[in-house]
């Protein structure tokens, strides 16, 4: 499986070391890529090279999971042949309208709003936890 995280302008982040660590850990289960879009408007769409991917928007009003539920859901996506997952973190004003229409799922990390750096870090951590559970690691609390 391949995971791409798309976010709006990736500026300097205080979480860069932690992001690198979770990307390294996650690499045992999947390839992780990050894509930055520097200028978004409501007409902006995801790059064409991501067209065949399963696109998931991180949205405050999205579906929430517990760790085991997310692990099971990722397993189902794999069983359905979804080999490339794209996670989109919206801009400060929310998800651009054209990108919102491209979403196949809407997930929520929390009802709180986070900076892009923190949202990327949280996403990497929950994905690592979920893939670890999915592959029988079970090192984390459930």
C-alpha atoms as a PDB file:
ATOM      1  CA  UNK A   1       0.000   0.000   0.000  1.00  0.00           C
ATOM      2  CA  UNK A   2       1.021   3.589  -0.602  1.00  0.00           C
ATOM      3  CA  UNK A   3      -0.030   6.646   1.412  1.00  0.00           C
ATOM      4  CA  UNK A   4       0.180  10.242   0.205  1.00  0.00           C
ATOM      5  CA  UNK A   5      -0.516  13.144   2.539  1.00  0.00           C
ATOM      6  CA  UNK A   6      -1.569  16.315   0.732  1.00  0.00           C
ATOM      7  CA  UNK A   7      -1.540  19.590   2.611  1.00  0.00           C
ATOM      8  CA  UNK A   8      -1.544  23.303   2.028  1.00  0.00           C
ATOM      9  CA  UNK A   9       1.842  25.061   2.128  1.00  0.00           C
ATOM     10  CA  UNK A  10       4.192  23.004   4.203  1.00  0.00           C
ATOM     11  CA  UNK A  11       5.997  25.618   6.203  1.00  0.00           C
ATOM     12  CA  UNK A  12       8.520  25.121   8.937  1.00  0.00           C
ATOM     13  CA  UNK A  13       7.113  22.743  11.513  1.00  0.00           C
ATOM     14  CA  UNK A  14       8.149  22.162  15.096  1.00  0.00           C
ATOM     15  CA  UNK A  15       7.045  18.576  14.528  1.00  0.00           C
ATOM     16  CA  UNK A  16       9.450  17.743  11.675  1.00  0.00           C
ATOM     17  CA  UNK A  17      11.545  15.305  13.730  1.00  0.00           C
ATOM     18  CA  UNK A  18       8.475  13.492  15.048  1.00  0.00           C
ATOM     19  CA  UNK A  19       6.949  13.388  11.538  1.00  0.00           C
ATOM     20  CA  UNK A  20      10.180  11.841  10.223  1.00  0.00           C
ATOM     21  CA  UNK A  21      10.189   9.276  13.035  1.00  0.00           C
ATOM     22  CA  UNK A  22       6.594   8.147  12.409  1.00  0.00           C
ATOM     23  CA  UNK A  23       7.187   8.117   8.633  1.00  0.00           C
ATOM     24  CA  UNK A  24      10.181   5.841   9.275  1.00  0.00           C
ATOM     25  CA  UNK A  25       8.123   3.539  11.508  1.00  0.00           C
ATOM     26  CA  UNK A  26       5.230   3.511   9.065  1.00  0.00           C
ATOM     27  CA  UNK A  27       7.589   2.573   6.214  1.00  0.00           C
ATOM     28  CA  UNK A  28       7.637  -0.987   7.581  1.00  0.00           C
ATOM     29  CA  UNK A  29       3.988  -1.240   6.448  1.00  0.00           C
ATOM     30  CA  UNK A  30       3.527   1.243   3.608  1.00  0.00           C
ATOM     31  CA  UNK A  31       5.310   3.842   1.514  1.00  0.00           C
ATOM     32  CA  UNK A  32       4.589   7.385   2.704  1.00  0.00           C
ATOM     33  CA  UNK A  33       4.808  10.463   0.492  1.00  0.00           C
ATOM     34  CA  UNK A  34       3.975  14.081   1.207  1.00  0.00           C
ATOM     35  CA  UNK A  35       2.584  16.481  -1.371  1.00  0.00           C
ATOM     36  CA  UNK A  36       2.364  20.221  -0.835  1.00  0.00           C
ATOM     37  CA  UNK A  37       0.022  22.499  -2.754  1.00  0.00           C
ATOM     38  CA  UNK A  38       1.225  26.061  -2.412  1.00  0.00           C
ATOM     39  CA  UNK A  39      -1.827  27.926  -3.593  1.00  0.00           C
ATOM     40  CA  UNK A  40      -5.368  26.640  -3.219  1.00  0.00           C
ATOM     41  CA  UNK A  41      -8.611  28.193  -4.327  1.00  0.00           C
ATOM     42  CA  UNK A  42     -12.091  26.705  -4.576  1.00  0.00           C
ATOM     43  CA  UNK A  43     -11.258  25.644  -8.155  1.00  0.00           C
ATOM     44  CA  UNK A  44      -8.049  23.828  -7.185  1.00  0.00           C
ATOM     45  CA  UNK A  45      -8.149  20.062  -7.693  1.00  0.00           C
ATOM     46  CA  UNK A  46      -5.731  17.342  -6.686  1.00  0.00           C
ATOM     47  CA  UNK A  47      -2.894  16.649  -9.131  1.00  0.00           C
ATOM     48  CA  UNK A  48      -3.875  14.285 -11.981  1.00  0.00           C
ATOM     49  CA  UNK A  49      -1.284  11.713 -10.858  1.00  0.00           C
ATOM     50  CA  UNK A  50      -3.506  11.075  -7.797  1.00  0.00           C
ATOM     51  CA  UNK A  51      -6.650  10.373  -9.870  1.00  0.00           C
ATOM     52  CA  UNK A  52      -6.616   6.606  -9.323  1.00  0.00           C
ATOM     53  CA  UNK A  53      -6.090   6.843  -5.576  1.00  0.00           C
ATOM     54  CA  UNK A  54      -8.712   6.490  -2.851  1.00  0.00           C
ATOM     55  CA  UNK A  55      -9.054  10.065  -1.550  1.00  0.00           C
ATOM     56  CA  UNK A  56      -9.837  10.743   2.108  1.00  0.00           C
ATOM     57  CA  UNK A  57     -10.380  14.255   3.428  1.00  0.00           C
ATOM     58  CA  UNK A  58      -9.539  15.105   7.014  1.00  0.00           C
ATOM     59  CA  UNK A  59     -12.544  17.145   8.049  1.00  0.00           C
ATOM     60  CA  UNK A  60     -13.960  18.187  11.399  1.00  0.00           C
ATOM     61  CA  UNK A  61     -17.343  16.732  10.405  1.00  0.00           C
ATOM     62  CA  UNK A  62     -15.875  13.456   9.118  1.00  0.00           C
ATOM     63  CA  UNK A  63     -16.272   9.922  10.444  1.00  0.00           C
ATOM     64  CA  UNK A  64     -14.426   9.140  13.654  1.00  0.00           C
ATOM     65  CA  UNK A  65     -12.780   5.837  14.539  1.00  0.00           C
ATOM     66  CA  UNK A  66     -11.180   4.286  17.568  1.00  0.00           C
ATOM     67  CA  UNK A  67      -7.784   2.630  16.998  1.00  0.00           C
ATOM     68  CA  UNK A  68      -9.134  -0.865  16.410  1.00  0.00           C
ATOM     69  CA  UNK A  69     -11.943   0.414  14.176  1.00  0.00           C
ATOM     70  CA  UNK A  70      -9.539   2.379  12.025  1.00  0.00           C
ATOM     71  CA  UNK A  71      -7.277  -0.649  11.739  1.00  0.00           C
ATOM     72  CA  UNK A  72     -10.227  -2.783  10.595  1.00  0.00           C
ATOM     73  CA  UNK A  73     -11.311  -0.096   8.115  1.00  0.00           C
ATOM     74  CA  UNK A  74      -7.815   0.103   6.613  1.00  0.00           C
ATOM     75  CA  UNK A  75      -7.853  -3.689   6.316  1.00  0.00           C
ATOM     76  CA  UNK A  76     -11.169  -3.528   4.430  1.00  0.00           C
ATOM     77  CA  UNK A  77      -9.783  -0.886   2.077  1.00  0.00           C
ATOM     78  CA  UNK A  78      -6.822  -3.163   1.346  1.00  0.00           C
ATOM     79  CA  UNK A  79      -9.153  -6.114   0.723  1.00  0.00           C
ATOM     80  CA  UNK A  80     -11.105  -3.951  -1.713  1.00  0.00           C
ATOM     81  CA  UNK A  81      -7.885  -3.400  -3.681  1.00  0.00           C
ATOM     82  CA  UNK A  82      -7.284   0.196  -2.585  1.00  0.00           C
ATOM     83  CA  UNK A  83      -3.512   0.273  -2.974  1.00  0.00           C
ATOM     84  CA  UNK A  84      -3.024   4.049  -2.801  1.00  0.00           C
ATOM     85  CA  UNK A  85      -4.638   6.188  -0.110  1.00  0.00           C
ATOM     86  CA  UNK A  86      -4.481   9.966  -0.358  1.00  0.00           C
ATOM     87  CA  UNK A  87      -5.197  11.981   2.783  1.00  0.00           C
ATOM     88  CA  UNK A  88      -6.007  15.644   2.220  1.00  0.00           C
ATOM     89  CA  UNK A  89      -5.598  18.246   4.961  1.00  0.00           C
ATOM     90  CA  UNK A  90      -7.553  21.339   3.971  1.00  0.00           C
ATOM     91  CA  UNK A  91      -6.408  24.928   4.033  1.00  0.00           C
ATOM     92  CA  UNK A  92      -7.149  27.387   6.847  1.00  0.00           C
ATOM     93  CA  UNK A  93     -10.552  28.112   5.256  1.00  0.00           C
ATOM     94  CA  UNK A  94     -11.393  24.417   5.008  1.00  0.00           C
ATOM     95  CA  UNK A  95     -11.357  22.069   2.052  1.00  0.00           C
ATOM     96  CA  UNK A  96     -11.390  23.726  -1.384  1.00  0.00           C
ATOM     97  CA  UNK A  97     -14.733  23.038  -3.093  1.00  0.00           C
ATOM     98  CA  UNK A  98     -13.251  21.210  -6.096  1.00  0.00           C
ATOM     99  CA  UNK A  99     -11.130  18.972  -3.823  1.00  0.00           C
ATOM    100  CA  UNK A 100     -14.148  18.341  -1.590  1.00  0.00           C
ATOM    101  CA  UNK A 101     -15.953  16.903  -4.636  1.00  0.00           C
ATOM    102  CA  UNK A 102     -13.009  14.513  -5.191  1.00  0.00           C
ATOM    103  CA  UNK A 103     -13.220  13.015  -1.705  1.00  0.00           C
ATOM    104  CA  UNK A 104     -14.405   9.429  -1.428  1.00  0.00           C
ATOM    105  CA  UNK A 105     -14.392   9.479   2.374  1.00  0.00           C
ATOM    106  CA  UNK A 106     -14.347  12.108   5.111  1.00  0.00           C
ATOM    107  CA  UNK A 107     -12.523  11.251   8.329  1.00  0.00           C
ATOM    108  CA  UNK A 108     -12.065  13.314  11.465  1.00  0.00           C
ATOM    109  CA  UNK A 109      -9.028  13.189  13.714  1.00  0.00           C
ATOM    110  CA  UNK A 110     -10.868  15.388  16.219  1.00  0.00           C
ATOM    111  CA  UNK A 111     -13.522  18.066  16.398  1.00  0.00           C
ATOM    112  CA  UNK A 112     -10.688  20.450  17.243  1.00  0.00           C
ATOM    113  CA  UNK A 113      -8.731  22.410  14.632  1.00  0.00           C
ATOM    114  CA  UNK A 114      -4.973  21.763  14.355  1.00  0.00           C
ATOM    115  CA  UNK A 115      -2.082  23.326  12.476  1.00  0.00           C
ATOM    116  CA  UNK A 116      -0.998  21.449   9.350  1.00  0.00           C
ATOM    117  CA  UNK A 117       2.172  20.236  11.058  1.00  0.00           C
ATOM    118  CA  UNK A 118       0.292  18.829  14.024  1.00  0.00           C
ATOM    119  CA  UNK A 119      -2.430  17.323  11.796  1.00  0.00           C
ATOM    120  CA  UNK A 120       0.255  15.554   9.704  1.00  0.00           C
ATOM    121  CA  UNK A 121       1.917  14.249  12.866  1.00  0.00           C
ATOM    122  CA  UNK A 122      -1.390  12.994  14.314  1.00  0.00           C
ATOM    123  CA  UNK A 123      -2.282  11.341  11.010  1.00  0.00           C
ATOM    124  CA  UNK A 124       1.111   9.613  10.775  1.00  0.00           C
ATOM    125  CA  UNK A 125       0.801   8.367  14.357  1.00  0.00           C
ATOM    126  CA  UNK A 126      -2.737   6.984  13.959  1.00  0.00           C
ATOM    127  CA  UNK A 127      -1.808   5.343  10.659  1.00  0.00           C
ATOM    128  CA  UNK A 128       1.246   3.746  12.253  1.00  0.00           C
ATOM    129  CA  UNK A 129      -0.844   2.522  15.197  1.00  0.00           C
ATOM    130  CA  UNK A 130      -3.526   1.155  12.839  1.00  0.00           C
ATOM    131  CA  UNK A 131      -1.119  -0.636  10.515  1.00  0.00           C
ATOM    132  CA  UNK A 132       0.736  -2.048  13.520  1.00  0.00           C
ATOM    133  CA  UNK A 133      -2.538  -3.444  14.899  1.00  0.00           C
ATOM    134  CA  UNK A 134      -3.547  -4.694  11.436  1.00  0.00           C
ATOM    135  CA  UNK A 135      -0.284  -6.612  11.080  1.00  0.00           C
ATOM    136  CA  UNK A 136      -0.416  -8.097  14.557  1.00  0.00           C
ATOM    137  CA  UNK A 137       2.081  -5.787  16.260  1.00  0.00           C
ATOM    138  CA  UNK A 138      -0.253  -4.803  19.070  1.00  0.00           C
ATOM    139  CA  UNK A 139       2.357  -2.661  20.806  1.00  0.00           C
ATOM    140  CA  UNK A 140      -0.160   0.052  21.530  1.00  0.00           C
ATOM    141  CA  UNK A 141      -3.082   0.317  23.890  1.00  0.00           C
ATOM    142  CA  UNK A 142      -6.314  -0.450  22.173  1.00  0.00           C
END
